[in-house]
Amino acid sequence: MTISELADATGLIPLVERDASSGHRRYRAGHAQWIAFLRNLRACGMPIRDIRAYARLVAKGDSTWPARQSMLAAHRDRVAATIETLQEHRAMLDRKLRAGCAPTAL
């Protein structure tokens, strides 16, 4: 599979211009930033289907910003809830470490 086939298949990577004389792809800093952003979305738990939907909206242009902003805000809320739950779990572990090894010690 070529890069352009991958871009078409996933809908995540914008097409990259080619140099007319050499045929080499001409990546810009924006491409690397986009890939880093997608990786961060995935790393913080955004499902692939949502990332694809977000990428489709980006491809449609600036008029989709309200929808994209809504998607990001909703995901941020999910991330915040996960962080809160993890902090509660960490607090329980901290209490257990202070209390000792007995199963009932908390």
Protein backbone atom coordinates (compact mmCIF):
# COMPACT_ATOMS: atom_id res chain seq x y z
CA MET A 1 0.00 0.00 0.00
CA THR A 2 1.33 3.41 -0.90
CA ILE A 3 1.14 6.51 1.31
CA SER A 4 -1.59 7.97 -0.89
CA GLU A 5 -3.58 4.71 -0.70
CA LEU A 6 -3.19 4.77 3.08
CA ALA A 7 -4.34 8.38 3.19
CA ASP A 8 -7.40 7.52 1.11
CA ALA A 9 -8.17 4.36 3.09
CA THR A 10 -7.97 5.93 6.54
CA GLY A 11 -9.10 9.43 5.77
CA LEU A 12 -6.60 10.66 8.35
CA ILE A 13 -3.63 11.90 6.35
CA PRO A 14 -4.08 14.76 3.88
CA LEU A 15 -2.66 14.22 0.44
CA VAL A 16 0.89 15.48 0.02
CA GLU A 17 2.07 17.44 -2.99
CA ARG A 18 4.78 15.99 -5.21
CA ASP A 19 7.72 17.84 -6.69
CA ALA A 20 7.07 18.06 -10.43
CA SER A 21 10.65 17.36 -11.45
CA SER A 22 11.62 14.58 -9.02
CA GLY A 23 8.27 13.14 -8.02
CA HIS A 24 9.28 13.25 -4.35
CA ARG A 25 6.63 14.11 -1.81
CA ARG A 26 6.92 17.55 -0.24
CA TYR A 27 5.87 17.33 3.39
CA ARG A 28 5.35 20.50 5.37
CA ALA A 29 5.59 21.15 9.10
CA GLY A 30 1.80 21.09 9.16
CA HIS A 31 1.79 17.42 8.19
CA ALA A 32 3.99 16.50 11.17
CA GLN A 33 1.86 18.64 13.48
CA TRP A 34 -1.30 16.95 12.21
CA ILE A 35 0.12 13.46 12.77
CA ALA A 36 1.30 14.46 16.27
CA PHE A 37 -2.18 15.82 17.04
CA LEU A 38 -3.84 12.60 15.86
CA ARG A 39 -1.43 10.54 17.98
CA ASN A 40 -2.26 12.67 21.01
CA LEU A 41 -5.98 12.22 20.45
CA ARG A 42 -5.46 8.47 20.30
CA ALA A 43 -3.13 8.45 23.32
CA CYS A 44 -5.77 10.17 25.45
CA GLY A 45 -8.35 7.59 24.49
CA MET A 46 -10.29 9.04 21.57
CA PRO A 47 -11.73 6.16 19.53
CA ILE A 48 -10.48 5.77 15.95
CA ARG A 49 -14.00 6.30 14.58
CA ASP A 50 -14.13 9.69 16.34
CA ILE A 51 -10.67 10.62 15.08
CA ARG A 52 -11.78 9.78 11.54
CA ALA A 53 -14.93 11.86 11.97
CA TYR A 54 -12.81 14.74 13.25
CA ALA A 55 -10.43 14.41 10.26
CA ARG A 56 -13.39 14.44 7.84
CA LEU A 57 -14.61 17.67 9.42
CA VAL A 58 -11.14 19.22 9.17
CA ALA A 59 -11.05 18.32 5.48
CA LYS A 60 -14.32 20.21 4.97
CA GLY A 61 -12.76 23.44 6.19
CA ASP A 62 -13.10 26.17 8.77
CA SER A 63 -16.90 26.18 8.69
CA THR A 64 -16.81 22.91 10.65
CA TRP A 65 -14.99 24.43 13.62
CA PRO A 66 -18.11 24.51 15.86
CA ALA A 67 -18.66 20.77 15.34
CA ARG A 68 -14.96 20.02 15.89
CA GLN A 69 -14.90 22.19 19.00
CA SER A 70 -17.89 20.27 20.34
CA MET A 71 -16.17 16.93 19.67
CA LEU A 72 -12.98 18.03 21.40
CA ALA A 73 -14.87 19.48 24.38
CA ALA A 74 -16.85 16.27 24.83
CA HIS A 75 -13.70 14.18 24.69
CA ARG A 76 -11.96 16.55 27.12
CA ASP A 77 -14.83 15.98 29.55
CA ARG A 78 -14.37 12.20 29.22
CA VAL A 79 -10.63 12.58 29.81
CA ALA A 80 -11.26 14.75 32.89
CA ALA A 81 -13.67 12.15 34.30
CA THR A 82 -11.10 9.41 33.72
CA ILE A 83 -8.42 11.47 35.44
CA GLU A 84 -10.73 12.04 38.42
CA THR A 85 -11.39 8.30 38.70
CA LEU A 86 -7.68 7.52 38.46
CA GLN A 87 -6.93 10.07 41.17
CA GLU A 88 -9.46 8.34 43.43
CA HIS A 89 -7.77 4.99 42.75
CA ARG A 90 -4.38 6.49 43.48
CA ALA A 91 -5.67 7.93 46.76
CA MET A 92 -6.91 4.47 47.77
CA LEU A 93 -3.49 3.00 46.97
CA ASP A 94 -1.80 5.76 48.97
CA ARG A 95 -4.06 4.99 51.96
CA LYS A 96 -3.29 1.28 51.66
CA LEU A 97 0.44 1.91 51.48
CA ARG A 98 0.27 4.04 54.63
CA ALA A 99 -2.00 1.59 56.49
CA GLY A 100 -0.05 -1.59 55.92
CA CYS A 101 -0.51 -5.00 54.42
CA ALA A 102 -3.53 -6.37 56.32
CA PRO A 103 -6.47 -6.85 53.91
CA THR A 104 -8.76 -4.81 56.18
CA ALA A 105 -6.23 -2.04 56.81
CA LEU A 106 -7.33 1.11 55.04
